[in-house]
Protein backbone atom coordinates (compact mmCIF):
# COMPACT_ATOMS: atom_id res chain seq x y z
CA MET A 1 -26.22 246.47 229.10
CA LEU A 2 -26.79 243.46 231.36
CA GLY A 3 -29.96 245.08 232.71
CA LEU A 4 -31.32 245.56 229.19
CA LEU A 5 -30.59 241.94 228.28
CA ILE A 6 -32.30 240.67 231.43
CA ASP A 7 -35.35 242.86 230.79
CA ALA A 8 -35.56 241.65 227.18
CA PHE A 9 -35.13 237.92 227.73
CA VAL A 10 -36.20 237.29 231.35
CA PRO A 11 -38.75 239.91 232.33
CA HIS A 12 -40.18 237.82 235.23
CA GLY A 13 -38.49 235.59 237.74
CA PRO A 14 -35.03 235.32 239.24
CA VAL A 15 -31.78 235.26 237.30
CA VAL A 16 -29.20 232.85 238.68
CA LEU A 17 -25.53 233.56 237.95
CA GLY A 18 -22.60 231.30 238.72
CA LEU A 19 -19.02 232.52 239.08
CA ASP A 20 -15.81 230.54 239.01
CA ASP A 21 -12.31 231.82 239.67
CA THR A 22 -9.73 229.42 238.31
CA ILE A 23 -5.97 229.70 238.74
CA GLU A 24 -4.08 228.62 235.63
CA LEU A 25 -0.66 227.56 236.85
CA ARG A 26 1.88 229.40 234.73
CA CYS A 27 5.51 230.28 235.27
CA GLY A 28 7.96 232.42 233.34
CA LYS A 29 9.26 235.97 233.15
CA ARG A 30 7.25 236.97 230.06
CA ILE A 31 3.77 236.43 231.56
CA MET A 32 2.65 239.95 232.51
CA ALA A 33 -0.60 239.33 234.44
CA LYS A 34 0.85 236.59 236.66
CA GLY A 35 0.22 236.84 240.39
CA ILE A 36 0.49 234.82 243.59
CA TYR A 37 -2.86 233.61 244.91
CA ARG A 38 -4.16 231.30 247.62
CA ASP A 39 -4.74 227.87 246.10
CA PRO A 40 -8.22 226.84 247.34
CA VAL A 41 -7.84 223.21 246.25
CA SER A 42 -4.54 222.53 248.02
CA SER A 43 -5.13 224.74 251.07
CA SER A 44 -7.06 223.81 254.17
CA ASP A 45 -7.64 225.63 257.45
CA SER A 46 -4.08 225.32 258.76
CA PRO A 47 -1.67 225.09 255.77
CA PHE A 48 -1.80 228.10 253.44
CA VAL A 49 -0.70 227.05 249.94
CA LYS A 50 0.24 229.72 247.41
CA ALA A 51 0.05 229.26 243.65
CA SER A 52 1.71 231.39 241.01
CA GLY A 53 -0.28 231.87 237.82
CA LEU A 54 -3.15 233.61 236.09
CA ARG A 55 -6.56 234.03 237.72
CA TRP A 56 -9.49 233.70 235.32
CA MET A 57 -13.03 234.76 236.20
CA SER A 58 -15.78 233.01 234.28
C-alpha cells in the first residue's frame, strides 16, 4: 500500500521518512503493553537508565 501511495503522489525523487520512538512513562498493574526500556534521554555511555512504560513509534 505504501508503494502505491508513493507511486501515485511522488513518482520522481526521494522520499524522506522520519521515525521517533517515545517512551510514555506509565506505571500500574492494569497496563498490558508496558515494558522496561533503555531511557535514551537519561542514559549516557556509562550509566544505563531503565524506564518502565509504553513505547510509541511515530
